[in-house]
Amino acid sequence: MNRDLRPELNGEILVEIIRDEMVESGHHGHLLILDVVGEELKSIGGSDLLIYPRSAIKGIQTAAMVRAGLELDPQELALVSASHAGSQRHLESAEKILKSVGLDERSLRNTPDRPLGAKERRAWGDKDPSSLAANCSGKHAGMIATSKINGWEIENYKDPNHPLQVLIREELEKLSGEEIKKISVDGCGAPLFAVSLKGLATAIHNLMNSTDPIHDAVFRSCREFPEMVSGEGRIITESMRQIPDLFAKDGAEGVMIASIRGKGTIVWKMSDGSQRGDWPLLAASLSHLGAKLHFDQISVYGDGRVVGQIRASKLALNVS
């Protein structure tokens, strides 16, 4: 029986694992870079590939909430766009969002989890998973607060037909230029709308270069508080700190978006869902937009010593 139901997902090798100067393994995927006007600058794999963008579209979800009347300080607004590490500051900010509409963490309906960050998970210890500690709690707090101020039902805010989710879908359709035809559910329990890789790139590019003050507010909140969008030492936070006007966001199963206002937009989807090559691949991709990302080499070891590294492929680097 042929179990390869989506052969188009295979893509090209974007990340290589090098051991003693030989490519030992590779991660396949699809990558698209748009230039300053939104035209294709570089494409590897298939830009028409339909994907689930996962948490990479949280900025778009946040924009829909603000359009529906959500008013928060920039720090809390950045958390709504976050896959946060689960620090005390993150949890307190999520609680603050809920308290702003007279609610508390008992209102959260996202999937319980332990903190995403390694340091934060160690600090959590053996406590049970909770919805507040889960990395999507800021987004869900924002969804609940938006529903509350509009008089919409809270218990079913995750339903794809809920007024808020309809607005999020419409925001994504408008920015991407695509009609949403496939809907699933994300790990956190929120609706998940499928778009093409090109549609995702177009949506992020339009969000970043929009004259809409709502889109600008989302961008500026994340730029002002990059530590709220992810966490200390994590690729999203550190890359935004290094590179002016960069907005970046990762998503589960190997999705990444990165856009520099006034320069261009990067999106990729790793076929196997791997994220272990994110640092070198992001650095290589940003170089096409004239930006330099500094990072520590991801080493490969043999007998306790460095014998290689994880690097972007020659295709991603655009070298012969």
Foldseek 3Di string as FASTA:
>chain_A
DDPCPDPLQQWAFFKFWDFQNDGPDTFHWWKFKAWLVRHTPDTTRDQQAKDFQFLQCQLLLLLLLVVLPDDDDLLLSLLLSALAQQDPVLLVSLQVLLVVLPHGQVLFDWDFDAGNHPVRNVVVPPDDTGCSSGSNSSNRSSLQSSCSVVVFDSVPSQDCPGPSNVSSQVSLCVQLVDHFDDWDAHNGGHIITMGGNSSSQSSVSCLLADPPVSSVSSQVSCLVCVCSRYHPPDPQSQQSVQDPQKHKDHRFLAWIWIARNSTIIMIMHTSRRDCPAVVQLVQLQVVSSVDGDDDDFAFDDDPRDGRTGMHTDCSSNVDD
